[in-house]
C-alpha atoms as a PDB file:
ATOM      1  CA  UNK A   1     -35.451   1.559-276.513  1.00  0.00           C
ATOM      2  CA  UNK A   2     -37.849   0.843-279.391  1.00  0.00           C
ATOM      3  CA  UNK A   3     -35.817  -2.225-280.272  1.00  0.00           C
ATOM      4  CA  UNK A   4     -36.228  -3.516-276.710  1.00  0.00           C
ATOM      5  CA  UNK A   5     -39.990  -2.885-276.754  1.00  0.00           C
ATOM      6  CA  UNK A   6     -40.302  -4.685-280.092  1.00  0.00           C
ATOM      7  CA  UNK A   7     -38.389  -7.637-278.704  1.00  0.00           C
ATOM      8  CA  UNK A   8     -40.635  -7.739-275.620  1.00  0.00           C
ATOM      9  CA  UNK A   9     -43.755  -7.624-277.820  1.00  0.00           C
ATOM     10  CA  UNK A  10     -42.491 -10.519-279.929  1.00  0.00           C
ATOM     11  CA  UNK A  11     -41.569 -12.537-276.842  1.00  0.00           C
ATOM     12  CA  UNK A  12     -44.922 -11.832-275.165  1.00  0.00           C
ATOM     13  CA  UNK A  13     -46.801 -12.771-278.318  1.00  0.00           C
ATOM     14  CA  UNK A  14     -44.875 -16.040-278.529  1.00  0.00           C
ATOM     15  CA  UNK A  15     -45.242 -16.732-274.819  1.00  0.00           C
ATOM     16  CA  UNK A  16     -49.033 -16.226-274.758  1.00  0.00           C
ATOM     17  CA  UNK A  17     -49.368 -19.468-276.667  1.00  0.00           C
ATOM     18  CA  UNK A  18     -47.015 -21.324-274.337  1.00  0.00           C
ATOM     19  CA  UNK A  19     -46.827 -20.069-270.776  1.00  0.00           C
ATOM     20  CA  UNK A  20     -48.916 -17.414-269.040  1.00  0.00           C
ATOM     21  CA  UNK A  21     -46.626 -17.398-266.009  1.00  0.00           C
ATOM     22  CA  UNK A  22     -43.653 -16.315-268.092  1.00  0.00           C
ATOM     23  CA  UNK A  23     -45.773 -13.656-269.773  1.00  0.00           C
ATOM     24  CA  UNK A  24     -46.787 -12.302-266.372  1.00  0.00           C
ATOM     25  CA  UNK A  25     -43.136 -12.283-265.334  1.00  0.00           C
ATOM     26  CA  UNK A  26     -42.190 -10.295-268.456  1.00  0.00           C
ATOM     27  CA  UNK A  27     -44.953  -7.774-267.757  1.00  0.00           C
ATOM     28  CA  UNK A  28     -43.720  -7.442-264.168  1.00  0.00           C
ATOM     29  CA  UNK A  29     -40.157  -6.909-265.382  1.00  0.00           C
ATOM     30  CA  UNK A  30     -41.341  -4.291-267.863  1.00  0.00           C
ATOM     31  CA  UNK A  31     -43.316  -2.404-265.197  1.00  0.00           C
ATOM     32  CA  UNK A  32     -40.267  -2.562-262.919  1.00  0.00           C
ATOM     33  CA  UNK A  33     -38.065  -1.037-265.638  1.00  0.00           C
ATOM     34  CA  UNK A  34     -40.648   1.690-266.306  1.00  0.00           C
ATOM     35  CA  UNK A  35     -40.878   2.415-262.583  1.00  0.00           C
ATOM     36  CA  UNK A  36     -37.089   2.771-262.396  1.00  0.00           C
ATOM     37  CA  UNK A  37     -37.065   5.070-265.428  1.00  0.00           C
ATOM     38  CA  UNK A  38     -39.750   7.273-263.876  1.00  0.00           C
ATOM     39  CA  UNK A  39     -38.089   7.298-260.451  1.00  0.00           C
ATOM     40  CA  UNK A  40     -34.567   8.108-261.617  1.00  0.00           C
ATOM     41  CA  UNK A  41     -35.370   9.892-264.864  1.00  0.00           C
ATOM     42  CA  UNK A  42     -38.004  12.366-263.646  1.00  0.00           C
END
């Protein structure tokens, strides 16, 4: 899980300089994953 979060951080950091839309998409995907974890894990 930490490896995934690190990868996302690196990608987001790289993307901020290139494309805000993609960054927003990554944040949406991350929130979706978290929501799924909370829904099915709790």
